Amino acid sequence: VRPGGHVLLMEWKDDQDASVGPELHLRISRDELIRLIQEEGFSVQKELSVGDFHYAFVLGKETPVV
């Protein structure tokens, strides 16, 4: 990611019906994904509302808001 750039990351919610999308055991929880994001040197700049089955973050290298 270039300096000042951003990444959009979307994942399946881990507490929803698995009849849509991957099986529940293959999904990453919101808290676990935030931990992984931070381990890689990124921070959550914004959390987006993307419907009933997903959650999404805008990532950057700046100060986190979440």
Protein backbone atom coordinates (compact mmCIF):
# COMPACT_ATOMS: atom_id res chain seq x y z
CA VAL A 1 0.00 0.00 0.00
CA ARG A 2 1.39 3.37 -0.95
CA PRO A 3 1.83 6.02 1.77
CA GLY A 4 -1.57 7.55 2.48
CA GLY A 5 -3.29 4.65 0.68
CA HIS A 6 -6.13 2.53 2.00
CA VAL A 7 -7.33 -1.07 1.82
CA LEU A 8 -10.96 -2.21 1.80
CA LEU A 9 -11.41 -5.54 3.61
CA MET A 10 -14.75 -7.37 3.75
CA GLU A 11 -15.47 -10.63 5.59
CA TRP A 12 -18.44 -12.87 6.30
CA LYS A 13 -20.03 -12.39 9.75
CA ASP A 14 -19.32 -15.38 11.98
CA ASP A 15 -22.66 -15.29 13.80
CA GLN A 16 -25.01 -15.63 10.82
CA ASP A 17 -26.73 -18.53 9.09
CA ALA A 18 -24.23 -20.58 7.09
CA SER A 19 -26.78 -21.35 4.36
CA VAL A 20 -25.23 -18.38 2.55
CA GLY A 21 -21.46 -18.19 2.16
CA PRO A 22 -18.74 -20.33 3.74
CA GLU A 23 -19.32 -22.63 6.69
CA LEU A 24 -19.22 -20.91 10.09
CA HIS A 25 -15.93 -22.55 11.16
CA LEU A 26 -14.20 -20.96 8.13
CA ARG A 27 -15.21 -17.40 9.01
CA ILE A 28 -13.11 -14.93 10.98
CA SER A 29 -14.68 -13.01 13.84
CA ARG A 30 -14.55 -9.22 13.82
CA ASP A 31 -12.28 -9.11 16.88
CA GLU A 32 -9.88 -11.73 15.50
CA LEU A 33 -9.65 -9.91 12.17
CA ILE A 34 -8.85 -6.62 13.92
CA ARG A 35 -6.08 -8.40 15.84
CA LEU A 36 -4.63 -9.79 12.60
CA ILE A 37 -4.87 -6.38 10.92
CA GLN A 38 -2.95 -4.75 13.77
CA GLU A 39 -0.30 -7.50 13.76
CA GLU A 40 0.42 -6.61 10.13
CA GLY A 41 0.92 -2.93 10.95
CA PHE A 42 -2.42 -1.63 9.72
CA SER A 43 -5.23 0.06 11.62
CA VAL A 44 -8.98 0.24 11.10
CA GLN A 45 -9.76 3.73 9.79
CA LYS A 46 -13.47 3.15 9.33
CA GLU A 47 -16.01 0.38 9.81
CA LEU A 48 -18.63 0.07 7.05
CA SER A 49 -22.18 -1.25 7.15
CA VAL A 50 -22.37 -3.76 4.29
CA GLY A 51 -25.53 -5.76 4.97
CA ASP A 52 -26.71 -8.70 7.03
CA PHE A 53 -24.02 -11.22 6.09
CA HIS A 54 -20.78 -9.18 5.99
CA TYR A 55 -18.71 -6.63 7.84
CA ALA A 56 -16.05 -4.40 6.29
CA PHE A 57 -13.18 -2.13 7.26
CA VAL A 58 -11.19 0.57 5.55
CA LEU A 59 -7.57 0.06 6.61
CA GLY A 60 -4.63 2.41 6.66
CA LYS A 61 -1.32 2.99 8.37
CA GLU A 62 -2.59 5.99 10.36
CA THR A 63 -4.09 6.34 13.86
CA PRO A 64 -6.98 3.85 14.38
CA VAL A 65 -10.57 4.87 15.11
CA VAL A 66 -11.76 1.42 16.26
